[in-house]
């Protein structure tokens, strides 16, 4: 139940970014298309801050990132970092 609740909270926070389009999920991760921004740059910036997500460099998933559901504090750290990256 905790993962399901946190997945919804994460989805809602990601949906708040105009440059991300999260896809509904029943898994322990959320797949997001990146709009008007570079998914690889987001991946690299988050990695530099110690936040690991998945970046796909394949034709089918070009400009997508995958974010695993974690603890509430992980979501909070991710959202804070994305604010810095996407709202510059």
N, C-alpha and C. Protein backbone atom coordinates (compact mmCIF):
# COMPACT_ATOMS: atom_id res chain seq x y z
N UNK A 1 0.82 -1.19 0.00
CA UNK A 1 0.00 0.00 0.00
C UNK A 1 0.86 1.26 0.00
N UNK A 2 1.98 1.19 0.72
CA UNK A 2 2.86 2.36 0.80
C UNK A 2 3.45 2.69 -0.57
N UNK A 3 3.87 1.66 -1.30
CA UNK A 3 4.45 1.89 -2.64
C UNK A 3 3.39 2.46 -3.58
N UNK A 4 2.19 1.93 -3.53
CA UNK A 4 1.10 2.41 -4.40
C UNK A 4 0.80 3.88 -4.09
N UNK A 5 0.74 4.23 -2.83
CA UNK A 5 0.47 5.62 -2.44
C UNK A 5 1.61 6.53 -2.89
N UNK A 6 2.85 6.08 -2.69
CA UNK A 6 4.00 6.90 -3.08
C UNK A 6 4.10 7.00 -4.60
N UNK A 7 3.74 5.96 -5.31
CA UNK A 7 3.75 6.00 -6.78
C UNK A 7 2.78 7.09 -7.26
N UNK A 8 1.62 7.18 -6.65
CA UNK A 8 0.65 8.21 -7.05
C UNK A 8 1.17 9.60 -6.71
N UNK A 9 1.80 9.74 -5.56
CA UNK A 9 2.36 11.04 -5.16
C UNK A 9 3.47 11.45 -6.13
N UNK A 10 4.34 10.48 -6.48
CA UNK A 10 5.41 10.75 -7.44
C UNK A 10 4.82 11.13 -8.80
N UNK A 11 3.83 10.38 -9.25
CA UNK A 11 3.18 10.68 -10.53
C UNK A 11 2.63 12.11 -10.52
N UNK A 12 1.94 12.47 -9.47
CA UNK A 12 1.35 13.81 -9.37
C UNK A 12 2.42 14.90 -9.40
N UNK A 13 3.52 14.68 -8.71
CA UNK A 13 4.61 15.67 -8.70
C UNK A 13 5.24 15.78 -10.08
N UNK A 14 5.48 14.65 -10.74
CA UNK A 14 6.07 14.67 -12.08
C UNK A 14 5.14 15.35 -13.08
N UNK A 15 3.85 15.11 -12.94
CA UNK A 15 2.87 15.72 -13.85
C UNK A 15 2.85 17.24 -13.70
N UNK A 16 3.34 17.75 -12.59
CA UNK A 16 3.40 19.18 -12.37
C UNK A 16 4.47 19.90 -13.18
N UNK A 17 5.37 19.15 -13.77
CA UNK A 17 6.41 19.73 -14.62
C UNK A 17 5.93 19.75 -16.06
N UNK A 18 5.90 20.92 -16.68
CA UNK A 18 5.43 21.01 -18.07
C UNK A 18 6.33 20.26 -19.04
N UNK A 19 7.57 20.04 -18.66
CA UNK A 19 8.51 19.38 -19.57
C UNK A 19 8.54 17.86 -19.41
N UNK A 20 7.71 17.34 -18.51
CA UNK A 20 7.62 15.89 -18.31
C UNK A 20 6.19 15.43 -18.53
N UNK A 21 6.05 14.28 -19.17
CA UNK A 21 4.73 13.68 -19.33
C UNK A 21 4.80 12.26 -18.77
N UNK A 22 4.45 12.09 -17.49
CA UNK A 22 4.49 10.74 -16.92
C UNK A 22 3.38 9.87 -17.47
N UNK A 23 3.69 8.60 -17.65
CA UNK A 23 2.71 7.62 -18.13
C UNK A 23 2.14 6.89 -16.93
N UNK A 24 0.83 6.64 -16.92
CA UNK A 24 0.25 5.86 -15.82
C UNK A 24 0.97 4.52 -15.67
N UNK A 25 1.10 4.06 -14.44
CA UNK A 25 1.88 2.85 -14.17
C UNK A 25 1.25 2.04 -13.05
N UNK A 26 1.41 0.74 -13.18
CA UNK A 26 1.03 -0.16 -12.09
C UNK A 26 2.27 -0.89 -11.58
N UNK A 27 3.43 -0.45 -12.05
CA UNK A 27 4.70 -1.05 -11.65
C UNK A 27 5.33 -0.21 -10.54
N UNK A 28 6.58 -0.51 -10.21
CA UNK A 28 7.26 0.24 -9.17
C UNK A 28 8.11 1.37 -9.76
N UNK A 29 7.73 1.82 -10.95
CA UNK A 29 8.42 2.93 -11.60
C UNK A 29 7.42 3.70 -12.45
N UNK A 30 7.84 4.90 -12.86
CA UNK A 30 7.04 5.73 -13.75
C UNK A 30 7.91 6.11 -14.94
N UNK A 31 7.40 5.88 -16.12
CA UNK A 31 8.06 6.24 -17.36
C UNK A 31 7.57 7.63 -17.77
N UNK A 32 8.51 8.51 -18.11
CA UNK A 32 8.15 9.88 -18.48
C UNK A 32 8.76 10.23 -19.83
N UNK A 33 7.97 10.81 -20.70
CA UNK A 33 8.56 11.41 -21.89
C UNK A 33 9.00 12.81 -21.51
N UNK A 34 10.08 13.25 -22.12
CA UNK A 34 10.64 14.56 -21.84
C UNK A 34 10.32 15.45 -23.03
N UNK A 35 9.70 16.59 -22.77
CA UNK A 35 9.23 17.49 -23.81
C UNK A 35 10.04 18.78 -23.77
N UNK A 36 10.56 19.18 -24.92
CA UNK A 36 11.33 20.43 -25.03
C UNK A 36 12.50 20.49 -24.06
N UNK A 37 13.11 19.35 -23.84
CA UNK A 37 14.29 19.28 -22.98
C UNK A 37 15.03 17.99 -23.36
N UNK A 38 16.23 17.83 -22.88
CA UNK A 38 17.04 16.67 -23.22
C UNK A 38 17.04 15.67 -22.06
N UNK A 39 16.49 14.48 -22.31
CA UNK A 39 16.41 13.46 -21.27
C UNK A 39 17.79 13.07 -20.76
N UNK A 40 18.75 12.98 -21.64
CA UNK A 40 20.11 12.61 -21.20
C UNK A 40 20.68 13.67 -20.27
N UNK A 41 20.41 14.92 -20.54
CA UNK A 41 20.91 15.99 -19.66
C UNK A 41 20.27 15.89 -18.27
N UNK A 42 18.98 15.60 -18.23
CA UNK A 42 18.31 15.41 -16.94
C UNK A 42 18.97 14.25 -16.19
N UNK A 43 19.18 13.14 -16.89
CA UNK A 43 19.83 11.98 -16.29
C UNK A 43 21.20 12.35 -15.72
N UNK A 44 22.02 13.04 -16.52
CA UNK A 44 23.38 13.41 -16.09
C UNK A 44 23.35 14.37 -14.90
N UNK A 45 22.46 15.35 -14.93
CA UNK A 45 22.38 16.30 -13.82
C UNK A 45 21.94 15.62 -12.52
N UNK A 46 20.95 14.74 -12.63
CA UNK A 46 20.51 14.01 -11.43
C UNK A 46 21.62 13.09 -10.92
N UNK A 47 22.30 12.42 -11.83
CA UNK A 47 23.40 11.52 -11.44
C UNK A 47 24.49 12.31 -10.70
N UNK A 48 24.79 13.50 -11.21
CA UNK A 48 25.80 14.35 -10.57
C UNK A 48 25.41 14.69 -9.14
N UNK A 49 24.10 14.74 -8.88
CA UNK A 49 23.60 15.05 -7.54
C UNK A 49 23.36 13.79 -6.71
N UNK A 50 23.71 12.62 -7.26
CA UNK A 50 23.56 11.38 -6.52
C UNK A 50 22.18 10.75 -6.62
N UNK A 51 21.38 11.20 -7.57
CA UNK A 51 20.04 10.65 -7.79
C UNK A 51 20.07 9.84 -9.09
N UNK A 52 19.81 8.55 -8.97
CA UNK A 52 19.91 7.67 -10.13
C UNK A 52 18.53 7.34 -10.69
N UNK A 53 18.39 7.57 -11.97
CA UNK A 53 17.19 7.21 -12.72
C UNK A 53 17.67 6.44 -13.95
N UNK A 54 16.75 5.95 -14.76
CA UNK A 54 17.12 5.27 -16.01
C UNK A 54 16.91 6.22 -17.17
N UNK A 55 17.89 6.23 -18.07
CA UNK A 55 17.80 6.98 -19.32
C UNK A 55 17.96 5.97 -20.44
N UNK A 56 17.12 6.07 -21.44
CA UNK A 56 17.16 5.12 -22.55
C UNK A 56 17.64 5.81 -23.81
N UNK A 57 18.71 5.29 -24.39
CA UNK A 57 19.25 5.83 -25.64
C UNK A 57 18.92 4.85 -26.76
N UNK A 58 17.63 4.61 -26.95
CA UNK A 58 17.17 3.71 -27.99
C UNK A 58 16.12 4.44 -28.82
N UNK A 59 15.96 4.06 -30.09
CA UNK A 59 14.97 4.76 -30.94
C UNK A 59 13.56 4.71 -30.37
N UNK A 60 13.16 3.60 -29.81
CA UNK A 60 11.79 3.46 -29.32
C UNK A 60 11.51 4.31 -28.07
N UNK A 61 12.53 4.49 -27.25
CA UNK A 61 12.36 5.26 -26.01
C UNK A 61 13.19 6.53 -26.01
N UNK A 62 13.43 7.07 -27.19
CA UNK A 62 14.23 8.28 -27.28
C UNK A 62 13.56 9.40 -26.48
N UNK A 63 14.33 10.03 -25.67
CA UNK A 63 13.92 11.14 -24.82
C UNK A 63 12.90 10.74 -23.74
N UNK A 64 13.10 9.55 -23.19
CA UNK A 64 12.31 9.07 -22.05
C UNK A 64 13.24 8.84 -20.87
N UNK A 65 12.69 8.99 -19.68
CA UNK A 65 13.39 8.61 -18.45
C UNK A 65 12.44 7.72 -17.64
N UNK A 66 13.03 6.87 -16.82
CA UNK A 66 12.25 6.00 -15.95
C UNK A 66 12.68 6.25 -14.52
N UNK A 67 11.70 6.51 -13.67
CA UNK A 67 11.98 6.86 -12.28
C UNK A 67 11.34 5.83 -11.37
N UNK A 68 12.14 5.19 -10.55
CA UNK A 68 11.64 4.19 -9.61
C UNK A 68 10.95 4.86 -8.43
N UNK A 69 9.94 4.19 -7.92
CA UNK A 69 9.25 4.68 -6.73
C UNK A 69 10.08 4.30 -5.51
N UNK A 70 10.29 5.25 -4.64
CA UNK A 70 11.06 5.00 -3.43
C UNK A 70 10.30 5.51 -2.22
N UNK A 71 11.06 5.92 -1.25
CA UNK A 71 10.48 6.49 -0.03
C UNK A 71 10.06 7.94 -0.29
N UNK A 72 9.17 8.47 0.56
CA UNK A 72 8.74 9.87 0.38
C UNK A 72 9.92 10.85 0.32
N UNK A 73 10.92 10.62 1.13
CA UNK A 73 12.07 11.54 1.11
C UNK A 73 12.84 11.46 -0.21
N UNK A 74 12.81 10.31 -0.88
CA UNK A 74 13.44 10.18 -2.20
C UNK A 74 12.65 10.99 -3.23
N UNK A 75 11.34 10.92 -3.16
CA UNK A 75 10.50 11.72 -4.06
C UNK A 75 10.76 13.20 -3.84
N UNK A 76 10.83 13.61 -2.59
CA UNK A 76 11.07 15.03 -2.28
C UNK A 76 12.41 15.50 -2.83
N UNK A 77 13.46 14.69 -2.69
CA UNK A 77 14.79 15.05 -3.20
C UNK A 77 14.77 15.12 -4.72
N UNK A 78 14.11 14.17 -5.35
CA UNK A 78 14.02 14.16 -6.81
C UNK A 78 13.29 15.41 -7.31
N UNK A 79 12.16 15.73 -6.72
CA UNK A 79 11.38 16.89 -7.15
C UNK A 79 12.18 18.18 -6.95
N UNK A 80 12.88 18.29 -5.86
CA UNK A 80 13.72 19.48 -5.63
C UNK A 80 14.79 19.60 -6.70
N UNK A 81 15.43 18.48 -7.03
CA UNK A 81 16.48 18.49 -8.06
C UNK A 81 15.89 18.81 -9.43
N UNK A 82 14.73 18.24 -9.74
CA UNK A 82 14.08 18.53 -11.03
C UNK A 82 13.67 19.99 -11.13
N UNK A 83 13.27 20.58 -10.01
CA UNK A 83 12.96 22.02 -10.02
C UNK A 83 14.19 22.82 -10.47
N UNK A 84 15.34 22.49 -9.94
CA UNK A 84 16.57 23.17 -10.32
C UNK A 84 16.92 22.95 -11.78
N UNK A 85 16.73 21.74 -12.27
CA UNK A 85 17.12 21.40 -13.63
C UNK A 85 16.12 21.93 -14.66
N UNK A 86 14.86 21.73 -14.43
CA UNK A 86 13.85 22.04 -15.44
C UNK A 86 13.33 23.47 -15.41
N UNK A 87 13.50 24.14 -14.30
CA UNK A 87 12.94 25.49 -14.20
C UNK A 87 14.00 26.57 -14.33
N UNK A 88 15.15 26.21 -14.84
CA UNK A 88 16.22 27.20 -15.07
C UNK A 88 15.91 28.02 -16.30
